[in-house]
Amino acid sequence: MSTKFFTNKADNSLLKKFEGVFKNLPNIHNFDALVGYFRATGYFKLRPFLNEIPDMMVYELYFTEYMKEKGLKVLEYINPKPFTEETTNEQKAVIIKNFYEWYQEPENAVRQRMLLIETRSPDILAVINGAT
């Protein structure tokens, strides 16, 4: 089983992978703002899962082919609404409520993939999760 580890040789570097993600997912910085707002405002039920979503995104950067092979890819499903300086607290509350409801849906692709790590990747991702 190939995991396609990064070697930092030629074009096989993590930096190149990050560059590709940031060029192809222009709204990814909005996800960071949403996570920060959740952490700062006390949405305690979501906090454990919010820590795992960026982990899943990073796993996909490191193990792109492996994540695809195991059906664990998440980047294509993450498209957060942006916060701007003009976004009011009421608007932020609506965005957060919508994110919470989206995340809690039984068929949510990101949530389901996070729950599948233990069974689909017991020797790699489950071990990494256990170490963090």
N, C-alpha and C. Protein backbone atom coordinates (compact mmCIF):
# COMPACT_ATOMS: atom_id res chain seq x y z
N MET A 1 0.85 -1.17 0.00
CA MET A 1 0.00 0.00 0.00
C MET A 1 0.90 1.24 0.00
N SER A 2 0.69 2.08 -0.97
CA SER A 2 1.47 3.31 -1.08
C SER A 2 0.81 4.43 -0.30
N THR A 3 1.57 5.13 0.52
CA THR A 3 1.02 6.26 1.27
C THR A 3 1.51 7.59 0.71
N LYS A 4 2.44 7.54 -0.25
CA LYS A 4 2.94 8.76 -0.90
C LYS A 4 3.45 9.78 0.11
N PHE A 5 4.33 9.36 1.01
CA PHE A 5 4.91 10.29 1.96
C PHE A 5 5.69 11.36 1.23
N PHE A 6 5.71 12.55 1.81
CA PHE A 6 6.47 13.63 1.21
C PHE A 6 7.95 13.43 1.51
N THR A 7 8.76 13.65 0.51
CA THR A 7 10.19 13.44 0.67
C THR A 7 10.97 14.74 0.61
N ASN A 8 10.30 15.82 0.17
CA ASN A 8 10.96 17.11 -0.04
C ASN A 8 12.02 17.04 -1.13
N LYS A 9 11.91 16.05 -2.00
CA LYS A 9 12.79 15.95 -3.15
C LYS A 9 12.02 16.38 -4.38
N ALA A 10 12.68 17.12 -5.25
CA ALA A 10 12.07 17.62 -6.48
C ALA A 10 10.78 18.36 -6.16
N ASP A 11 9.67 17.95 -6.75
CA ASP A 11 8.40 18.64 -6.52
C ASP A 11 7.53 17.93 -5.49
N ASN A 12 8.09 17.02 -4.74
CA ASN A 12 7.31 16.24 -3.78
C ASN A 12 7.47 16.81 -2.36
N SER A 13 7.14 18.10 -2.21
CA SER A 13 7.31 18.73 -0.90
C SER A 13 5.97 19.15 -0.33
N LEU A 14 5.91 19.23 0.97
CA LEU A 14 4.70 19.67 1.65
C LEU A 14 4.38 21.12 1.29
N LEU A 15 5.41 21.93 1.14
CA LEU A 15 5.19 23.33 0.76
C LEU A 15 4.45 23.41 -0.58
N LYS A 16 4.84 22.60 -1.56
CA LYS A 16 4.16 22.59 -2.86
C LYS A 16 2.70 22.18 -2.69
N LYS A 17 2.45 21.23 -1.81
CA LYS A 17 1.09 20.77 -1.58
C LYS A 17 0.25 21.89 -0.96
N PHE A 18 0.81 22.59 0.05
CA PHE A 18 0.10 23.71 0.66
C PHE A 18 -0.17 24.81 -0.37
N GLU A 19 0.82 25.09 -1.21
CA GLU A 19 0.62 26.10 -2.25
C GLU A 19 -0.56 25.73 -3.13
N GLY A 20 -0.64 24.46 -3.50
CA GLY A 20 -1.75 24.00 -4.34
C GLY A 20 -3.08 24.14 -3.65
N VAL A 21 -3.13 23.81 -2.37
CA VAL A 21 -4.39 23.93 -1.63
C VAL A 21 -4.83 25.38 -1.56
N PHE A 22 -3.92 26.28 -1.22
CA PHE A 22 -4.30 27.68 -1.07
C PHE A 22 -4.63 28.33 -2.41
N LYS A 23 -4.04 27.86 -3.50
CA LYS A 23 -4.39 28.41 -4.81
C LYS A 23 -5.74 27.89 -5.29
N ASN A 24 -6.06 26.63 -4.97
CA ASN A 24 -7.27 26.01 -5.48
C ASN A 24 -8.47 26.09 -4.54
N LEU A 25 -8.25 26.44 -3.29
CA LEU A 25 -9.35 26.63 -2.34
C LEU A 25 -9.25 28.03 -1.76
N PRO A 26 -9.69 29.02 -2.53
CA PRO A 26 -9.51 30.41 -2.10
C PRO A 26 -10.21 30.77 -0.80
N ASN A 27 -11.22 30.01 -0.39
CA ASN A 27 -11.96 30.33 0.84
C ASN A 27 -11.42 29.60 2.06
N ILE A 28 -10.30 28.93 1.95
CA ILE A 28 -9.81 28.12 3.07
C ILE A 28 -9.50 28.98 4.29
N HIS A 29 -9.07 30.22 4.10
CA HIS A 29 -8.78 31.09 5.25
C HIS A 29 -10.06 31.41 6.03
N ASN A 30 -11.20 31.35 5.39
CA ASN A 30 -12.46 31.60 6.08
C ASN A 30 -12.76 30.50 7.09
N PHE A 31 -12.33 29.29 6.78
CA PHE A 31 -12.55 28.19 7.71
C PHE A 31 -11.80 28.45 9.00
N ASP A 32 -10.58 28.97 8.91
CA ASP A 32 -9.80 29.32 10.09
C ASP A 32 -10.55 30.34 10.96
N ALA A 33 -11.14 31.34 10.32
CA ALA A 33 -11.89 32.36 11.06
C ALA A 33 -13.09 31.73 11.77
N LEU A 34 -13.76 30.82 11.09
CA LEU A 34 -14.92 30.16 11.68
C LEU A 34 -14.51 29.31 12.88
N VAL A 35 -13.44 28.56 12.75
CA VAL A 35 -12.94 27.74 13.86
C VAL A 35 -12.57 28.63 15.04
N GLY A 36 -11.86 29.72 14.77
CA GLY A 36 -11.48 30.65 15.84
C GLY A 36 -12.69 31.24 16.54
N TYR A 37 -13.69 31.59 15.79
CA TYR A 37 -14.90 32.16 16.39
C TYR A 37 -15.61 31.13 17.25
N PHE A 38 -15.71 29.89 16.77
CA PHE A 38 -16.32 28.83 17.58
C PHE A 38 -15.56 28.65 18.89
N ARG A 39 -14.26 28.63 18.81
CA ARG A 39 -13.45 28.43 20.01
C ARG A 39 -13.62 29.59 20.99
N ALA A 40 -13.71 30.80 20.46
CA ALA A 40 -13.79 31.98 21.31
C ALA A 40 -15.17 32.19 21.91
N THR A 41 -16.21 31.69 21.28
CA THR A 41 -17.56 31.99 21.73
C THR A 41 -18.20 30.89 22.57
N GLY A 42 -17.51 29.80 22.76
CA GLY A 42 -18.02 28.81 23.69
C GLY A 42 -18.98 27.79 23.12
N TYR A 43 -18.89 27.48 21.87
CA TYR A 43 -19.71 26.40 21.33
C TYR A 43 -19.04 25.07 21.69
N PHE A 44 -19.22 24.70 22.95
CA PHE A 44 -18.47 23.59 23.53
C PHE A 44 -18.76 22.25 22.87
N LYS A 45 -19.97 22.01 22.44
CA LYS A 45 -20.29 20.72 21.82
C LYS A 45 -19.50 20.51 20.53
N LEU A 46 -19.18 21.60 19.86
CA LEU A 46 -18.48 21.47 18.59
C LEU A 46 -16.96 21.49 18.73
N ARG A 47 -16.46 21.99 19.83
CA ARG A 47 -15.01 22.15 19.97
C ARG A 47 -14.20 20.90 19.65
N PRO A 48 -14.56 19.73 20.18
CA PRO A 48 -13.74 18.55 19.85
C PRO A 48 -13.70 18.25 18.36
N PHE A 49 -14.81 18.45 17.67
CA PHE A 49 -14.87 18.16 16.25
C PHE A 49 -14.15 19.21 15.43
N LEU A 50 -14.19 20.45 15.90
CA LEU A 50 -13.51 21.51 15.17
C LEU A 50 -12.01 21.28 15.13
N ASN A 51 -11.47 20.69 16.16
CA ASN A 51 -10.05 20.38 16.15
C ASN A 51 -9.74 19.28 15.14
N GLU A 52 -10.68 18.39 14.92
CA GLU A 52 -10.45 17.26 14.01
C GLU A 52 -10.58 17.65 12.54
N ILE A 53 -11.40 18.64 12.22
CA ILE A 53 -11.58 19.01 10.82
C ILE A 53 -10.28 19.50 10.20
N PRO A 54 -9.55 20.45 10.83
CA PRO A 54 -8.26 20.83 10.24
C PRO A 54 -7.29 19.65 10.18
N ASP A 55 -7.36 18.74 11.16
CA ASP A 55 -6.51 17.55 11.11
C ASP A 55 -6.80 16.76 9.84
N MET A 56 -8.08 16.58 9.54
CA MET A 56 -8.46 15.83 8.34
C MET A 56 -7.95 16.54 7.08
N MET A 57 -7.98 17.87 7.08
CA MET A 57 -7.50 18.63 5.94
C MET A 57 -6.00 18.42 5.76
N VAL A 58 -5.27 18.42 6.86
CA VAL A 58 -3.82 18.20 6.79
C VAL A 58 -3.51 16.77 6.37
N TYR A 59 -4.26 15.80 6.89
CA TYR A 59 -4.05 14.41 6.47
C TYR A 59 -4.19 14.29 4.96
N GLU A 60 -5.18 14.99 4.42
CA GLU A 60 -5.39 14.92 2.98
C GLU A 60 -4.23 15.54 2.21
N LEU A 61 -3.58 16.53 2.80
CA LEU A 61 -2.40 17.11 2.16
C LEU A 61 -1.23 16.13 2.15
N TYR A 62 -1.03 15.45 3.27
CA TYR A 62 0.07 14.50 3.39
C TYR A 62 -0.18 13.20 2.64
N PHE A 63 -1.40 12.70 2.73
CA PHE A 63 -1.73 11.37 2.22
C PHE A 63 -2.83 11.45 1.17
N THR A 64 -2.65 12.27 0.17
CA THR A 64 -3.70 12.53 -0.82
C THR A 64 -4.25 11.24 -1.44
N GLU A 65 -3.39 10.43 -2.00
CA GLU A 65 -3.84 9.20 -2.65
C GLU A 65 -4.42 8.22 -1.65
N TYR A 66 -3.81 8.13 -0.51
CA TYR A 66 -4.29 7.22 0.54
C TYR A 66 -5.70 7.61 0.99
N MET A 67 -5.92 8.90 1.22
CA MET A 67 -7.23 9.39 1.65
C MET A 67 -8.28 9.10 0.58
N LYS A 68 -7.88 9.28 -0.68
CA LYS A 68 -8.80 8.99 -1.78
C LYS A 68 -9.13 7.50 -1.82
N GLU A 69 -8.10 6.69 -1.72
CA GLU A 69 -8.26 5.23 -1.75
C GLU A 69 -9.17 4.74 -0.62
N LYS A 70 -9.06 5.34 0.54
CA LYS A 70 -9.83 4.93 1.71
C LYS A 70 -11.19 5.62 1.81
N GLY A 71 -11.48 6.53 0.88
CA GLY A 71 -12.75 7.25 0.92
C GLY A 71 -12.85 8.22 2.07
N LEU A 72 -11.73 8.89 2.40
CA LEU A 72 -11.69 9.79 3.55
C LEU A 72 -11.44 11.26 3.17
N LYS A 73 -11.44 11.58 1.89
CA LYS A 73 -11.17 12.96 1.47
C LYS A 73 -12.26 13.91 1.98
N VAL A 74 -11.86 15.10 2.45
CA VAL A 74 -12.82 16.06 3.00
C VAL A 74 -12.73 17.46 2.37
N LEU A 75 -11.62 17.81 1.78
CA LEU A 75 -11.43 19.18 1.30
C LEU A 75 -12.52 19.64 0.34
N GLU A 76 -13.01 18.75 -0.48
CA GLU A 76 -14.03 19.13 -1.46
C GLU A 76 -15.36 19.50 -0.81
N TYR A 77 -15.57 19.12 0.44
CA TYR A 77 -16.84 19.37 1.13
C TYR A 77 -16.81 20.59 2.04
N ILE A 78 -15.64 21.18 2.22
CA ILE A 78 -15.50 22.29 3.16
C ILE A 78 -15.50 23.61 2.39
N ASN A 79 -16.53 24.41 2.62
CA ASN A 79 -16.65 25.70 1.96
C ASN A 79 -17.33 26.68 2.92
N PRO A 80 -16.58 27.17 3.90
CA PRO A 80 -17.19 28.01 4.94
C PRO A 80 -17.59 29.39 4.42
N LYS A 81 -18.58 29.97 5.07
CA LYS A 81 -18.98 31.34 4.79
C LYS A 81 -17.94 32.28 5.41
N PRO A 82 -17.57 33.33 4.70
CA PRO A 82 -16.54 34.23 5.24
C PRO A 82 -17.08 35.19 6.29
N PHE A 83 -16.21 35.53 7.25
CA PHE A 83 -16.46 36.64 8.17
C PHE A 83 -15.63 37.80 7.65
N THR A 84 -16.21 38.97 7.65
CA THR A 84 -15.46 40.17 7.30
C THR A 84 -15.54 41.12 8.49
N GLU A 85 -14.87 42.22 8.39
CA GLU A 85 -14.94 43.21 9.46
C GLU A 85 -16.35 43.77 9.59
N GLU A 86 -17.11 43.71 8.49
CA GLU A 86 -18.48 44.23 8.50
C GLU A 86 -19.49 43.21 9.03
N THR A 87 -19.09 41.96 9.20
CA THR A 87 -20.01 40.93 9.67
C THR A 87 -20.40 41.23 11.11
N THR A 88 -21.70 41.40 11.34
CA THR A 88 -22.18 41.70 12.69
C THR A 88 -22.20 40.43 13.53
N ASN A 89 -22.32 40.61 14.84
CA ASN A 89 -22.41 39.44 15.73
C ASN A 89 -23.64 38.60 15.41
N GLU A 90 -24.73 39.25 15.03
CA GLU A 90 -25.95 38.52 14.67
C GLU A 90 -25.71 37.67 13.42
N GLN A 91 -25.02 38.24 12.44
CA GLN A 91 -24.71 37.50 11.22
C GLN A 91 -23.76 36.34 11.52
N LYS A 92 -22.80 36.60 12.40
CA LYS A 92 -21.88 35.53 12.80
C LYS A 92 -22.64 34.40 13.48
N ALA A 93 -23.60 34.77 14.31
CA ALA A 93 -24.40 33.75 15.01
C ALA A 93 -25.18 32.90 14.01
N VAL A 94 -25.71 33.53 12.96
CA VAL A 94 -26.44 32.78 11.94
C VAL A 94 -25.50 31.85 11.17
N ILE A 95 -24.32 32.35 10.82
CA ILE A 95 -23.33 31.53 10.11
C ILE A 95 -22.95 30.33 10.96
N ILE A 96 -22.72 30.58 12.23
CA ILE A 96 -22.33 29.49 13.14
C ILE A 96 -23.47 28.50 13.31
N LYS A 97 -24.66 29.00 13.46
CA LYS A 97 -25.84 28.11 13.59
C LYS A 97 -25.97 27.24 12.34
N ASN A 98 -25.81 27.85 11.17
CA ASN A 98 -25.90 27.10 9.92
C ASN A 98 -24.79 26.06 9.82
N PHE A 99 -23.58 26.43 10.25
CA PHE A 99 -22.47 25.47 10.23
C PHE A 99 -22.77 24.31 11.17
N TYR A 100 -23.25 24.63 12.35
CA TYR A 100 -23.57 23.60 13.34
C TYR A 100 -24.63 22.64 12.79
N GLU A 101 -25.68 23.19 12.21
CA GLU A 101 -26.74 22.35 11.64
C GLU A 101 -26.21 21.52 10.49
N TRP A 102 -25.37 22.11 9.64
CA TRP A 102 -24.76 21.37 8.53
C TRP A 102 -23.91 20.23 9.06
N TYR A 103 -23.10 20.52 10.07
CA TYR A 103 -22.20 19.51 10.61
C TYR A 103 -22.96 18.38 11.30
N GLN A 104 -24.09 18.68 11.91
CA GLN A 104 -24.86 17.68 12.65
C GLN A 104 -25.73 16.80 11.75
N GLU A 105 -25.86 17.15 10.48
CA GLU A 105 -26.67 16.32 9.58
C GLU A 105 -26.09 14.91 9.54
N PRO A 106 -26.96 13.90 9.66
CA PRO A 106 -26.48 12.51 9.66
C PRO A 106 -25.66 12.15 8.41
N GLU A 107 -25.99 12.75 7.30
CA GLU A 107 -25.29 12.44 6.05
C GLU A 107 -24.13 13.39 5.76
N ASN A 108 -23.69 14.18 6.73
CA ASN A 108 -22.59 15.12 6.50
C ASN A 108 -21.33 14.35 6.13
N ALA A 109 -20.80 14.64 4.95
CA ALA A 109 -19.66 13.90 4.41
C ALA A 109 -18.40 14.07 5.26
N VAL A 110 -18.16 15.26 5.78
CA VAL A 110 -16.96 15.49 6.59
C VAL A 110 -17.05 14.71 7.89
N ARG A 111 -18.17 14.85 8.56
CA ARG A 111 -18.37 14.16 9.84
C ARG A 111 -18.28 12.64 9.66
N GLN A 112 -18.92 12.12 8.62
CA GLN A 112 -18.88 10.68 8.39
C GLN A 112 -17.47 10.19 8.14
N ARG A 113 -16.70 10.93 7.39
CA ARG A 113 -15.33 10.51 7.11
C ARG A 113 -14.47 10.54 8.37
N MET A 114 -14.72 11.53 9.23
CA MET A 114 -13.98 11.58 10.49
C MET A 114 -14.29 10.36 11.35
N LEU A 115 -15.53 9.92 11.32
CA LEU A 115 -15.93 8.75 12.11
C LEU A 115 -15.39 7.44 11.53
N LEU A 116 -15.00 7.46 10.27
CA LEU A 116 -14.51 6.25 9.61
C LEU A 116 -13.01 6.01 9.78
N ILE A 117 -12.30 6.97 10.34
CA ILE A 117 -10.85 6.83 10.47
C ILE A 117 -10.46 5.54 11.19
N GLU A 118 -11.12 5.25 12.29
CA GLU A 118 -10.76 4.08 13.11
C GLU A 118 -10.85 2.78 12.33
N THR A 119 -11.83 2.67 11.43
CA THR A 119 -12.01 1.42 10.70
C THR A 119 -11.31 1.39 9.35
N ARG A 120 -11.22 2.52 8.69
CA ARG A 120 -10.61 2.55 7.37
C ARG A 120 -9.10 2.79 7.39
N SER A 121 -8.61 3.34 8.49
CA SER A 121 -7.17 3.59 8.59
C SER A 121 -6.66 3.34 10.00
N PRO A 122 -6.83 2.12 10.50
CA PRO A 122 -6.41 1.84 11.88
C PRO A 122 -4.91 1.90 12.09
N ASP A 123 -4.14 1.67 11.03
CA ASP A 123 -2.68 1.62 11.17
C ASP A 123 -1.96 2.94 10.92
N ILE A 124 -2.67 3.92 10.34
CA ILE A 124 -1.99 5.19 10.04
C ILE A 124 -2.71 6.35 10.73
N LEU A 125 -3.89 6.73 10.22
CA LEU A 125 -4.57 7.91 10.75
C LEU A 125 -5.08 7.73 12.17
N ALA A 126 -5.58 6.55 12.49
CA ALA A 126 -6.05 6.31 13.86
C ALA A 126 -4.90 6.40 14.83
N VAL A 127 -3.72 5.94 14.42
CA VAL A 127 -2.53 6.02 15.27
C VAL A 127 -2.12 7.48 15.46
N ILE A 128 -2.15 8.24 14.37
CA ILE A 128 -1.80 9.67 14.46
C ILE A 128 -2.79 10.38 15.37
N ASN A 129 -4.08 10.12 15.19
CA ASN A 129 -5.10 10.73 16.06
C ASN A 129 -4.88 10.38 17.52
N GLY A 130 -4.50 9.16 17.78
CA GLY A 130 -4.26 8.73 19.16
C GLY A 130 -3.07 9.39 19.80
N ALA A 131 -2.14 9.86 18.97
CA ALA A 131 -0.92 10.47 19.50
C ALA A 131 -1.10 11.96 19.74
N THR A 132 -2.18 12.55 19.25
CA THR A 132 -2.37 14.01 19.42
C THR A 132 -3.28 14.31 20.58
